[in-house]
């Protein structure tokens, strides 16, 4: 089972993970959503956010923007990331589960990932 974290603003992927207030955690097994919970990370530092994700058992973060230092700390913690993703959380999650996140409708306009 994978636990996926998606930072949320309203019902969309939050523009910048470093300063979002809420993160949705989704447990996925055999490409099916098993459980969904939400955690609050308002006023937490990057290190505190990383520790919260580790403690929550997150294995993958799907986000739009993320700072290099946040990304580096996630990698060091063994948490994978897929960045430069935009859209409604439910649509992004559905695309992830069906291996369609590379569809241009989920990519940040003008962004070409180097990672």
PDB file of N, CA and C in Angstrom:
ATOM      1  N   UNK A   1       0.843  -1.180   0.000  1.00  0.00           N
ATOM      2  CA  UNK A   1       0.000   0.000   0.000  1.00  0.00           C
ATOM      3  C   UNK A   1       0.888   1.244   0.000  1.00  0.00           C
ATOM      4  N   UNK A   2       0.482   2.249  -0.740  1.00  0.00           N
ATOM      5  CA  UNK A   2       1.160   3.546  -0.779  1.00  0.00           C
ATOM      6  C   UNK A   2       0.312   4.575  -0.052  1.00  0.00           C
ATOM      7  N   UNK A   3       0.972   5.476   0.652  1.00  0.00           N
ATOM      8  CA  UNK A   3       0.277   6.634   1.208  1.00  0.00           C
ATOM      9  C   UNK A   3       0.781   7.846   0.448  1.00  0.00           C
ATOM     10  N   UNK A   4      -0.134   8.477  -0.272  1.00  0.00           N
ATOM     11  CA  UNK A   4       0.173   9.622  -1.119  1.00  0.00           C
ATOM     12  C   UNK A   4      -0.277  10.888  -0.407  1.00  0.00           C
ATOM     13  N   UNK A   5       0.550  11.922  -0.449  1.00  0.00           N
ATOM     14  CA  UNK A   5       0.216  13.224   0.128  1.00  0.00           C
ATOM     15  C   UNK A   5       0.062  14.235  -0.991  1.00  0.00           C
ATOM     16  N   UNK A   6      -1.041  15.001  -0.939  1.00  0.00           N
ATOM     17  CA  UNK A   6      -1.282  16.066  -1.910  1.00  0.00           C
ATOM     18  C   UNK A   6      -1.640  17.331  -1.137  1.00  0.00           C
ATOM     19  N   UNK A   7      -0.832  18.389  -1.263  1.00  0.00           N
ATOM     20  CA  UNK A   7      -1.183  19.649  -0.610  1.00  0.00           C
ATOM     21  C   UNK A   7      -2.403  20.251  -1.297  1.00  0.00           C
ATOM     22  N   UNK A   8      -3.321  20.816  -0.498  1.00  0.00           N
ATOM     23  CA  UNK A   8      -4.609  21.252  -1.033  1.00  0.00           C
ATOM     24  C   UNK A   8      -4.881  22.712  -0.707  1.00  0.00           C
ATOM     25  N   UNK A   9      -5.407  23.420  -1.705  1.00  0.00           N
ATOM     26  CA  UNK A   9      -5.995  24.742  -1.505  1.00  0.00           C
ATOM     27  C   UNK A   9      -7.368  24.681  -2.136  1.00  0.00           C
ATOM     28  N   UNK A  10      -8.403  24.847  -1.317  1.00  0.00           N
ATOM     29  CA  UNK A  10      -9.783  24.606  -1.727  1.00  0.00           C
ATOM     30  C   UNK A  10      -9.839  23.164  -2.220  1.00  0.00           C
ATOM     31  N   UNK A  11     -10.228  22.884  -3.425  1.00  0.00           N
ATOM     32  CA  UNK A  11     -10.272  21.484  -3.876  1.00  0.00           C
ATOM     33  C   UNK A  11      -9.198  21.195  -4.917  1.00  0.00           C
ATOM     34  N   UNK A  12      -8.234  22.093  -5.032  1.00  0.00           N
ATOM     35  CA  UNK A  12      -7.171  21.950  -6.034  1.00  0.00           C
ATOM     36  C   UNK A  12      -5.824  21.676  -5.375  1.00  0.00           C
ATOM     37  N   UNK A  13      -4.880  21.179  -6.186  1.00  0.00           N
ATOM     38  CA  UNK A  13      -3.516  21.015  -5.699  1.00  0.00           C
ATOM     39  C   UNK A  13      -2.986  22.408  -5.365  1.00  0.00           C
ATOM     40  N   UNK A  14      -2.469  22.566  -4.157  1.00  0.00           N
ATOM     41  CA  UNK A  14      -1.962  23.856  -3.709  1.00  0.00           C
ATOM     42  C   UNK A  14      -0.791  24.295  -4.587  1.00  0.00           C
ATOM     43  N   UNK A  15      -0.711  25.597  -4.921  1.00  0.00           N
ATOM     44  CA  UNK A  15       0.357  26.063  -5.807  1.00  0.00           C
ATOM     45  C   UNK A  15       1.772  25.852  -5.266  1.00  0.00           C
ATOM     46  N   UNK A  16       1.969  25.980  -3.942  1.00  0.00           N
ATOM     47  CA  UNK A  16       3.306  25.837  -3.367  1.00  0.00           C
ATOM     48  C   UNK A  16       3.204  24.992  -2.099  1.00  0.00           C
ATOM     49  N   UNK A  17       3.848  23.842  -2.109  1.00  0.00           N
ATOM     50  CA  UNK A  17       3.763  22.924  -0.972  1.00  0.00           C
ATOM     51  C   UNK A  17       4.350  23.533   0.291  1.00  0.00           C
ATOM     52  N   UNK A  18       5.398  24.314   0.162  1.00  0.00           N
ATOM     53  CA  UNK A  18       6.106  24.877   1.314  1.00  0.00           C
ATOM     54  C   UNK A  18       5.218  25.713   2.228  1.00  0.00           C
ATOM     55  N   UNK A  19       4.165  26.296   1.698  1.00  0.00           N
ATOM     56  CA  UNK A  19       3.339  27.190   2.517  1.00  0.00           C
ATOM     57  C   UNK A  19       1.853  26.827   2.512  1.00  0.00           C
ATOM     58  N   UNK A  20       1.508  25.607   2.132  1.00  0.00           N
ATOM     59  CA  UNK A  20       0.103  25.204   2.157  1.00  0.00           C
ATOM     60  C   UNK A  20      -0.345  24.985   3.613  1.00  0.00           C
ATOM     61  N   UNK A  21      -1.637  25.025   3.831  1.00  0.00           N
ATOM     62  CA  UNK A  21      -2.186  24.820   5.172  1.00  0.00           C
ATOM     63  C   UNK A  21      -2.698  23.406   5.404  1.00  0.00           C
ATOM     64  N   UNK A  22      -3.089  22.727   4.318  1.00  0.00           N
ATOM     65  CA  UNK A  22      -3.695  21.396   4.447  1.00  0.00           C
ATOM     66  C   UNK A  22      -3.056  20.416   3.473  1.00  0.00           C
ATOM     67  N   UNK A  23      -2.997  19.165   3.900  1.00  0.00           N
ATOM     68  CA  UNK A  23      -2.488  18.088   3.047  1.00  0.00           C
ATOM     69  C   UNK A  23      -3.461  16.918   3.153  1.00  0.00           C
ATOM     70  N   UNK A  24      -3.868  16.402   2.011  1.00  0.00           N
ATOM     71  CA  UNK A  24      -4.723  15.223   1.978  1.00  0.00           C
ATOM     72  C   UNK A  24      -3.819  14.001   1.867  1.00  0.00           C
ATOM     73  N   UNK A  25      -4.071  13.007   2.700  1.00  0.00           N
ATOM     74  CA  UNK A  25      -3.343  11.744   2.663  1.00  0.00           C
ATOM     75  C   UNK A  25      -4.281  10.681   2.114  1.00  0.00           C
ATOM     76  N   UNK A  26      -3.832   9.979   1.092  1.00  0.00           N
ATOM     77  CA  UNK A  26      -4.656   8.964   0.449  1.00  0.00           C
ATOM     78  C   UNK A  26      -3.912   7.641   0.477  1.00  0.00           C
ATOM     79  N   UNK A  27      -4.550   6.635   1.050  1.00  0.00           N
ATOM     80  CA  UNK A  27      -3.989   5.289   1.037  1.00  0.00           C
ATOM     81  C   UNK A  27      -4.484   4.594  -0.227  1.00  0.00           C
ATOM     82  N   UNK A  28      -3.536   4.071  -1.010  1.00  0.00           N
ATOM     83  CA  UNK A  28      -3.869   3.416  -2.274  1.00  0.00           C
ATOM     84  C   UNK A  28      -3.286   2.008  -2.259  1.00  0.00           C
ATOM     85  N   UNK A  29      -4.125   1.051  -2.603  1.00  0.00           N
ATOM     86  CA  UNK A  29      -3.693  -0.335  -2.737  1.00  0.00           C
ATOM     87  C   UNK A  29      -4.327  -0.900  -4.004  1.00  0.00           C
ATOM     88  N   UNK A  30      -3.526  -1.529  -4.821  1.00  0.00           N
ATOM     89  CA  UNK A  30      -3.976  -2.122  -6.086  1.00  0.00           C
ATOM     90  C   UNK A  30      -4.770  -1.101  -6.915  1.00  0.00           C
ATOM     91  N   UNK A  31      -4.218   0.133  -6.984  1.00  0.00           N
ATOM     92  CA  UNK A  31      -4.806   1.242  -7.747  1.00  0.00           C
ATOM     93  C   UNK A  31      -6.201   1.651  -7.285  1.00  0.00           C
ATOM     94  N   UNK A  32      -6.526   1.340  -6.047  1.00  0.00           N
ATOM     95  CA  UNK A  32      -7.819   1.749  -5.489  1.00  0.00           C
ATOM     96  C   UNK A  32      -7.587   2.577  -4.241  1.00  0.00           C
ATOM     97  N   UNK A  33      -8.405   3.611  -4.086  1.00  0.00           N
ATOM     98  CA  UNK A  33      -8.328   4.425  -2.878  1.00  0.00           C
ATOM     99  C   UNK A  33      -8.957   3.643  -1.730  1.00  0.00           C
ATOM    100  N   UNK A  34      -8.189   3.489  -0.672  1.00  0.00           N
ATOM    101  CA  UNK A  34      -8.647   2.739   0.496  1.00  0.00           C
ATOM    102  C   UNK A  34      -9.154   3.678   1.583  1.00  0.00           C
ATOM    103  N   UNK A  35      -8.414   4.756   1.787  1.00  0.00           N
ATOM    104  CA  UNK A  35      -8.739   5.675   2.877  1.00  0.00           C
ATOM    105  C   UNK A  35      -8.205   7.056   2.542  1.00  0.00           C
ATOM    106  N   UNK A  36      -8.925   8.080   2.999  1.00  0.00           N
ATOM    107  CA  UNK A  36      -8.498   9.473   2.791  1.00  0.00           C
ATOM    108  C   UNK A  36      -8.632  10.218   4.116  1.00  0.00           C
ATOM    109  N   UNK A  37      -7.559  10.899   4.497  1.00  0.00           N
ATOM    110  CA  UNK A  37      -7.568  11.727   5.692  1.00  0.00           C
ATOM    111  C   UNK A  37      -6.918  13.061   5.355  1.00  0.00           C
ATOM    112  N   UNK A  38      -7.042  13.997   6.264  1.00  0.00           N
ATOM    113  CA  UNK A  38      -6.450  15.318   6.039  1.00  0.00           C
ATOM    114  C   UNK A  38      -5.664  15.725   7.268  1.00  0.00           C
ATOM    115  N   UNK A  39      -4.503  16.320   7.034  1.00  0.00           N
ATOM    116  CA  UNK A  39      -3.701  16.849   8.126  1.00  0.00           C
ATOM    117  C   UNK A  39      -3.499  18.348   7.908  1.00  0.00           C
ATOM    118  N   UNK A  40      -3.280  19.040   8.989  1.00  0.00           N
ATOM    119  CA  UNK A  40      -3.035  20.483   8.939  1.00  0.00           C
ATOM    120  C   UNK A  40      -1.551  20.728   9.157  1.00  0.00           C
ATOM    121  N   UNK A  41      -1.000  21.627   8.349  1.00  0.00           N
ATOM    122  CA  UNK A  41       0.430  21.937   8.500  1.00  0.00           C
ATOM    123  C   UNK A  41       0.667  23.444   8.517  1.00  0.00           C
ATOM    124  N   UNK A  42      -0.352  24.177   8.889  1.00  0.00           N
ATOM    125  CA  UNK A  42      -0.258  25.631   8.959  1.00  0.00           C
ATOM    126  C   UNK A  42       0.815  26.036   9.962  1.00  0.00           C
ATOM    127  N   UNK A  43       1.639  26.998   9.568  1.00  0.00           N
ATOM    128  CA  UNK A  43       2.700  27.560  10.403  1.00  0.00           C
ATOM    129  C   UNK A  43       3.815  26.570  10.751  1.00  0.00           C
ATOM    130  N   UNK A  44       3.940  25.474   9.997  1.00  0.00           N
ATOM    131  CA  UNK A  44       5.027  24.535  10.230  1.00  0.00           C
ATOM    132  C   UNK A  44       6.195  24.865   9.310  1.00  0.00           C
ATOM    133  N   UNK A  45       7.400  24.699   9.820  1.00  0.00           N
ATOM    134  CA  UNK A  45       8.591  24.890   8.999  1.00  0.00           C
ATOM    135  C   UNK A  45       8.713  23.728   8.020  1.00  0.00           C
ATOM    136  N   UNK A  46       9.620  23.848   7.078  1.00  0.00           N
ATOM    137  CA  UNK A  46       9.854  22.770   6.116  1.00  0.00           C
ATOM    138  C   UNK A  46      10.258  21.494   6.851  1.00  0.00           C
ATOM    139  N   UNK A  47      11.157  21.599   7.814  1.00  0.00           N
ATOM    140  CA  UNK A  47      11.587  20.422   8.568  1.00  0.00           C
ATOM    141  C   UNK A  47      10.416  19.796   9.320  1.00  0.00           C
ATOM    142  N   UNK A  48       9.584  20.612   9.920  1.00  0.00           N
ATOM    143  CA  UNK A  48       8.411  20.095  10.637  1.00  0.00           C
ATOM    144  C   UNK A  48       7.439  19.419   9.663  1.00  0.00           C
ATOM    145  N   UNK A  49       7.297  19.972   8.469  1.00  0.00           N
ATOM    146  CA  UNK A  49       6.430  19.354   7.452  1.00  0.00           C
ATOM    147  C   UNK A  49       6.988  17.996   7.024  1.00  0.00           C
ATOM    148  N   UNK A  50       8.284  17.937   6.810  1.00  0.00           N
ATOM    149  CA  UNK A  50       8.909  16.667   6.422  1.00  0.00           C
ATOM    150  C   UNK A  50       8.690  15.635   7.528  1.00  0.00           C
ATOM    151  N   UNK A  51       8.928  16.021   8.772  1.00  0.00           N
ATOM    152  CA  UNK A  51       8.736  15.093   9.887  1.00  0.00           C
ATOM    153  C   UNK A  51       7.288  14.640  10.001  1.00  0.00           C
ATOM    154  N   UNK A  52       6.350  15.535   9.765  1.00  0.00           N
ATOM    155  CA  UNK A  52       4.930  15.165   9.799  1.00  0.00           C
ATOM    156  C   UNK A  52       4.607  14.135   8.709  1.00  0.00           C
ATOM    157  N   UNK A  53       5.175  14.330   7.520  1.00  0.00           N
ATOM    158  CA  UNK A  53       4.953  13.367   6.438  1.00  0.00           C
ATOM    159  C   UNK A  53       5.576  12.017   6.765  1.00  0.00           C
ATOM    160  N   UNK A  54       6.769  12.033   7.339  1.00  0.00           N
ATOM    161  CA  UNK A  54       7.430  10.784   7.743  1.00  0.00           C
ATOM    162  C   UNK A  54       6.576  10.058   8.786  1.00  0.00           C
ATOM    163  N   UNK A  55       6.168  10.791   9.827  1.00  0.00           N
ATOM    164  CA  UNK A  55       5.351  10.205  10.895  1.00  0.00           C
ATOM    165  C   UNK A  55       4.020   9.675  10.370  1.00  0.00           C
ATOM    166  N   UNK A  56       3.518  10.278   9.304  1.00  0.00           N
ATOM    167  CA  UNK A  56       2.236   9.864   8.717  1.00  0.00           C
ATOM    168  C   UNK A  56       2.395   8.686   7.764  1.00  0.00           C
ATOM    169  N   UNK A  57       3.625   8.281   7.499  1.00  0.00           N
ATOM    170  CA  UNK A  57       3.864   7.133   6.634  1.00  0.00           C
ATOM    171  C   UNK A  57       3.745   7.423   5.150  1.00  0.00           C
ATOM    172  N   UNK A  58       3.939   8.675   4.762  1.00  0.00           N
ATOM    173  CA  UNK A  58       3.827   9.065   3.359  1.00  0.00           C
ATOM    174  C   UNK A  58       4.990   8.472   2.556  1.00  0.00           C
ATOM    175  N   UNK A  59       4.661   7.929   1.380  1.00  0.00           N
ATOM    176  CA  UNK A  59       5.686   7.372   0.489  1.00  0.00           C
ATOM    177  C   UNK A  59       5.856   8.204  -0.776  1.00  0.00           C
ATOM    178  N   UNK A  60       4.842   9.031  -1.093  1.00  0.00           N
ATOM    179  CA  UNK A  60       4.871   9.836  -2.321  1.00  0.00           C
ATOM    180  C   UNK A  60       4.151  11.145  -2.095  1.00  0.00           C
ATOM    181  N   UNK A  61       4.737  12.233  -2.592  1.00  0.00           N
ATOM    182  CA  UNK A  61       4.100  13.546  -2.588  1.00  0.00           C
ATOM    183  C   UNK A  61       3.824  13.937  -4.030  1.00  0.00           C
ATOM    184  N   UNK A  62       2.594  14.335  -4.308  1.00  0.00           N
ATOM    185  CA  UNK A  62       2.226  14.899  -5.607  1.00  0.00           C
ATOM    186  C   UNK A  62       1.908  16.362  -5.348  1.00  0.00           C
ATOM    187  N   UNK A  63       2.628  17.266  -6.027  1.00  0.00           N
ATOM    188  CA  UNK A  63       2.452  18.682  -5.737  1.00  0.00           C
ATOM    189  C   UNK A  63       2.678  19.528  -6.985  1.00  0.00           C
ATOM    190  N   UNK A  64       2.401  20.807  -6.843  1.00  0.00           N
ATOM    191  CA  UNK A  64       2.677  21.761  -7.925  1.00  0.00           C
ATOM    192  C   UNK A  64       4.100  22.259  -7.734  1.00  0.00           C
ATOM    193  N   UNK A  65       4.264  23.307  -6.945  1.00  0.00           N
ATOM    194  CA  UNK A  65       5.591  23.850  -6.692  1.00  0.00           C
ATOM    195  C   UNK A  65       6.131  23.408  -5.356  1.00  0.00           C
ATOM    196  N   UNK A  66       7.452  23.231  -5.300  1.00  0.00           N
ATOM    197  CA  UNK A  66       8.125  22.836  -4.068  1.00  0.00           C
ATOM    198  C   UNK A  66       9.546  23.403  -4.118  1.00  0.00           C
ATOM    199  N   UNK A  67      10.008  23.923  -2.997  1.00  0.00           N
ATOM    200  CA  UNK A  67      11.364  24.483  -2.978  1.00  0.00           C
ATOM    201  C   UNK A  67      12.390  23.357  -3.067  1.00  0.00           C
ATOM    202  N   UNK A  68      13.586  23.715  -3.508  1.00  0.00           N
ATOM    203  CA  UNK A  68      14.649  22.726  -3.622  1.00  0.00           C
ATOM    204  C   UNK A  68      15.002  22.139  -2.259  1.00  0.00           C
ATOM    205  N   UNK A  69      15.022  22.980  -1.217  1.00  0.00           N
ATOM    206  CA  UNK A  69      15.380  22.467   0.112  1.00  0.00           C
ATOM    207  C   UNK A  69      14.327  21.488   0.630  1.00  0.00           C
ATOM    208  N   UNK A  70      13.050  21.759   0.386  1.00  0.00           N
ATOM    209  CA  UNK A  70      11.975  20.844   0.797  1.00  0.00           C
ATOM    210  C   UNK A  70      12.110  19.542   0.014  1.00  0.00           C
ATOM    211  N   UNK A  71      12.304  19.659  -1.294  1.00  0.00           N
ATOM    212  CA  UNK A  71      12.479  18.480  -2.152  1.00  0.00           C
ATOM    213  C   UNK A  71      13.658  17.631  -1.662  1.00  0.00           C
ATOM    214  N   UNK A  72      14.784  18.274  -1.393  1.00  0.00           N
ATOM    215  CA  UNK A  72      15.981  17.557  -0.945  1.00  0.00           C
ATOM    216  C   UNK A  72      15.729  16.809   0.363  1.00  0.00           C
ATOM    217  N   UNK A  73      14.996  17.431   1.281  1.00  0.00           N
ATOM    218  CA  UNK A  73      14.703  16.772   2.554  1.00  0.00           C
ATOM    219  C   UNK A  73      13.748  15.591   2.371  1.00  0.00           C
ATOM    220  N   UNK A  74      12.795  15.713   1.458  1.00  0.00           N
ATOM    221  CA  UNK A  74      11.904  14.585   1.174  1.00  0.00           C
ATOM    222  C   UNK A  74      12.699  13.412   0.598  1.00  0.00           C
ATOM    223  N   UNK A  75      13.572  13.713  -0.349  1.00  0.00           N
ATOM    224  CA  UNK A  75      14.411  12.666  -0.956  1.00  0.00           C
ATOM    225  C   UNK A  75      15.259  11.985   0.120  1.00  0.00           C
ATOM    226  N   UNK A  76      15.869  12.782   0.988  1.00  0.00           N
ATOM    227  CA  UNK A  76      16.699  12.225   2.060  1.00  0.00           C
ATOM    228  C   UNK A  76      15.881  11.337   3.000  1.00  0.00           C
ATOM    229  N   UNK A  77      14.597  11.634   3.126  1.00  0.00           N
ATOM    230  CA  UNK A  77      13.718  10.841   3.991  1.00  0.00           C
ATOM    231  C   UNK A  77      13.143   9.627   3.266  1.00  0.00           C
ATOM    232  N   UNK A  78      13.469   9.483   1.980  1.00  0.00           N
ATOM    233  CA  UNK A  78      12.962   8.342   1.217  1.00  0.00           C
ATOM    234  C   UNK A  78      11.567   8.534   0.668  1.00  0.00           C
ATOM    235  N   UNK A  79      11.105   9.771   0.616  1.00  0.00           N
ATOM    236  CA  UNK A  79       9.783  10.080   0.084  1.00  0.00           C
ATOM    237  C   UNK A  79       9.935  10.559  -1.351  1.00  0.00           C
ATOM    238  N   UNK A  80       9.259   9.895  -2.269  1.00  0.00           N
ATOM    239  CA  UNK A  80       9.300  10.277  -3.685  1.00  0.00           C
ATOM    240  C   UNK A  80       8.401  11.479  -3.932  1.00  0.00           C
ATOM    241  N   UNK A  81       8.693  12.217  -5.004  1.00  0.00           N
ATOM    242  CA  UNK A  81       7.860  13.366  -5.363  1.00  0.00           C
ATOM    243  C   UNK A  81       7.551  13.366  -6.847  1.00  0.00           C
ATOM    244  N   UNK A  82       6.382  13.853  -7.145  1.00  0.00           N
ATOM    245  CA  UNK A  82       5.992  14.194  -8.513  1.00  0.00           C
ATOM    246  C   UNK A  82       5.547  15.644  -8.423  1.00  0.00           C
ATOM    247  N   UNK A  83       6.303  16.545  -9.036  1.00  0.00           N
ATOM    248  CA  UNK A  83       5.984  17.965  -8.918  1.00  0.00           C
ATOM    249  C   UNK A  83       5.511  18.536 -10.253  1.00  0.00           C
ATOM    250  N   UNK A  84       5.150  19.805 -10.225  1.00  0.00           N
ATOM    251  CA  UNK A  84       4.635  20.547 -11.378  1.00  0.00           C
ATOM    252  C   UNK A  84       3.283  20.004 -11.834  1.00  0.00           C
ATOM    253  N   UNK A  85       2.491  19.513 -10.869  1.00  0.00           N
ATOM    254  CA  UNK A  85       1.170  18.969 -11.162  1.00  0.00           C
ATOM    255  C   UNK A  85       0.113  19.940 -10.659  1.00  0.00           C
ATOM    256  N   UNK A  86      -0.862  20.235 -11.508  1.00  0.00           N
ATOM    257  CA  UNK A  86      -1.960  21.128 -11.136  1.00  0.00           C
ATOM    258  C   UNK A  86      -3.286  20.425 -11.406  1.00  0.00           C
ATOM    259  N   UNK A  87      -4.351  20.968 -10.822  1.00  0.00           N
ATOM    260  CA  UNK A  87      -5.682  20.458 -11.099  1.00  0.00           C
ATOM    261  C   UNK A  87      -6.472  20.153  -9.840  1.00  0.00           C
ATOM    262  N   UNK A  88      -7.701  19.700 -10.046  1.00  0.00           N
ATOM    263  CA  UNK A  88      -8.569  19.275  -8.954  1.00  0.00           C
ATOM    264  C   UNK A  88      -7.964  18.026  -8.319  1.00  0.00           C
ATOM    265  N   UNK A  89      -7.959  17.958  -7.017  1.00  0.00           N
ATOM    266  CA  UNK A  89      -7.325  16.840  -6.310  1.00  0.00           C
ATOM    267  C   UNK A  89      -7.892  15.504  -6.775  1.00  0.00           C
ATOM    268  N   UNK A  90      -9.212  15.384  -6.880  1.00  0.00           N
ATOM    269  CA  UNK A  90      -9.801  14.101  -7.283  1.00  0.00           C
ATOM    270  C   UNK A  90      -9.391  13.706  -8.697  1.00  0.00           C
ATOM    271  N   UNK A  91      -9.287  14.679  -9.600  1.00  0.00           N
ATOM    272  CA  UNK A  91      -8.866  14.387 -10.977  1.00  0.00           C
ATOM    273  C   UNK A  91      -7.389  13.994 -11.025  1.00  0.00           C
ATOM    274  N   UNK A  92      -6.566  14.681 -10.251  1.00  0.00           N
ATOM    275  CA  UNK A  92      -5.139  14.357 -10.188  1.00  0.00           C
ATOM    276  C   UNK A  92      -4.950  12.954  -9.622  1.00  0.00           C
ATOM    277  N   UNK A  93      -5.678  12.652  -8.566  1.00  0.00           N
ATOM    278  CA  UNK A  93      -5.575  11.329  -7.958  1.00  0.00           C
ATOM    279  C   UNK A  93      -6.022  10.240  -8.934  1.00  0.00           C
ATOM    280  N   UNK A  94      -7.110  10.481  -9.634  1.00  0.00           N
ATOM    281  CA  UNK A  94      -7.587   9.511 -10.627  1.00  0.00           C
ATOM    282  C   UNK A  94      -6.549   9.309 -11.731  1.00  0.00           C
ATOM    283  N   UNK A  95      -5.953  10.404 -12.188  1.00  0.00           N
ATOM    284  CA  UNK A  95      -4.916  10.311 -13.228  1.00  0.00           C
ATOM    285  C   UNK A  95      -3.697   9.559 -12.712  1.00  0.00           C
ATOM    286  N   UNK A  96      -3.316   9.795 -11.467  1.00  0.00           N
ATOM    287  CA  UNK A  96      -2.184   9.069 -10.880  1.00  0.00           C
ATOM    288  C   UNK A  96      -2.473   7.570 -10.839  1.00  0.00           C
ATOM    289  N   UNK A  97      -3.659   7.223 -10.373  1.00  0.00           N
ATOM    290  CA  UNK A  97      -4.015   5.804 -10.241  1.00  0.00           C
ATOM    291  C   UNK A  97      -4.084   5.091 -11.583  1.00  0.00           C
ATOM    292  N   UNK A  98      -4.371   5.839 -12.654  1.00  0.00           N
ATOM    293  CA  UNK A  98      -4.451   5.227 -13.988  1.00  0.00           C
ATOM    294  C   UNK A  98      -3.227   5.564 -14.843  1.00  0.00           C
ATOM    295  N   UNK A  99      -2.158   6.045 -14.199  1.00  0.00           N
ATOM    296  CA  UNK A  99      -0.889   6.333 -14.871  1.00  0.00           C
ATOM    297  C   UNK A  99      -1.051   7.337 -16.017  1.00  0.00           C
ATOM    298  N   UNK A 100      -1.820   8.415 -15.754  1.00  0.00           N
ATOM    299  CA  UNK A 100      -2.053   9.443 -16.765  1.00  0.00           C
ATOM    300  C   UNK A 100      -1.599  10.829 -16.307  1.00  0.00           C
ATOM    301  N   UNK A 101      -0.762  10.916 -15.290  1.00  0.00           N
ATOM    302  CA  UNK A 101      -0.328  12.227 -14.809  1.00  0.00           C
ATOM    303  C   UNK A 101       0.533  12.975 -15.820  1.00  0.00           C
ATOM    304  N   UNK A 102       1.050  12.271 -16.814  1.00  0.00           N
ATOM    305  CA  UNK A 102       1.858  12.943 -17.830  1.00  0.00           C
ATOM    306  C   UNK A 102       1.005  13.683 -18.848  1.00  0.00           C
ATOM    307  N   UNK A 103      -0.306  13.591 -18.741  1.00  0.00           N
ATOM    308  CA  UNK A 103      -1.213  14.338 -19.617  1.00  0.00           C
ATOM    309  C   UNK A 103      -0.975  15.832 -19.396  1.00  0.00           C
ATOM    310  N   UNK A 104      -0.877  16.582 -20.469  1.00  0.00           N
ATOM    311  CA  UNK A 104      -0.537  18.011 -20.372  1.00  0.00           C
ATOM    312  C   UNK A 104      -1.547  18.816 -19.557  1.00  0.00           C
ATOM    313  N   UNK A 105      -2.773  18.342 -19.398  1.00  0.00           N
ATOM    314  CA  UNK A 105      -3.757  19.108 -18.620  1.00  0.00           C
ATOM    315  C   UNK A 105      -3.402  19.147 -17.134  1.00  0.00           C
ATOM    316  N   UNK A 106      -2.483  18.281 -16.682  1.00  0.00           N
ATOM    317  CA  UNK A 106      -2.066  18.276 -15.285  1.00  0.00           C
ATOM    318  C   UNK A 106      -0.718  18.960 -15.061  1.00  0.00           C
ATOM    319  N   UNK A 107      -0.061  19.392 -16.111  1.00  0.00           N
ATOM    320  CA  UNK A 107       1.252  20.023 -15.993  1.00  0.00           C
ATOM    321  C   UNK A 107       1.155  21.522 -15.810  1.00  0.00           C
ATOM    322  N   UNK A 108       2.057  22.066 -15.006  1.00  0.00           N
ATOM    323  CA  UNK A 108       2.101  23.517 -14.824  1.00  0.00           C
ATOM    324  C   UNK A 108       2.488  24.159 -16.150  1.00  0.00           C
ATOM    325  N   UNK A 109       1.757  25.166 -16.585  1.00  0.00           N
ATOM    326  CA  UNK A 109       2.081  25.823 -17.853  1.00  0.00           C
ATOM    327  C   UNK A 109       3.499  26.381 -17.851  1.00  0.00           C
ATOM    328  N   UNK A 110       4.243  26.086 -18.906  1.00  0.00           N
ATOM    329  CA  UNK A 110       5.579  26.633 -19.068  1.00  0.00           C
ATOM    330  C   UNK A 110       6.663  25.970 -18.253  1.00  0.00           C
ATOM    331  N   UNK A 111       6.318  24.956 -17.475  1.00  0.00           N
ATOM    332  CA  UNK A 111       7.320  24.310 -16.612  1.00  0.00           C
ATOM    333  C   UNK A 111       7.835  23.045 -17.271  1.00  0.00           C
ATOM    334  N   UNK A 112       9.155  22.924 -17.316  1.00  0.00           N
ATOM    335  CA  UNK A 112       9.785  21.718 -17.844  1.00  0.00           C
ATOM    336  C   UNK A 112      10.654  21.149 -16.724  1.00  0.00           C
ATOM    337  N   UNK A 113      10.192  20.061 -16.100  1.00  0.00           N
ATOM    338  CA  UNK A 113      10.934  19.520 -14.947  1.00  0.00           C
ATOM    339  C   UNK A 113      12.312  19.030 -15.342  1.00  0.00           C
ATOM    340  N   UNK A 114      13.279  19.279 -14.459  1.00  0.00           N
ATOM    341  CA  UNK A 114      14.647  18.822 -14.663  1.00  0.00           C
ATOM    342  C   UNK A 114      14.894  17.518 -13.918  1.00  0.00           C
ATOM    343  N   UNK A 115      14.030  17.147 -13.011  1.00  0.00           N
ATOM    344  CA  UNK A 115      14.238  15.950 -12.191  1.00  0.00           C
ATOM    345  C   UNK A 115      13.611  14.763 -12.830  1.00  0.00           C
TER     346      UNK A 115
END
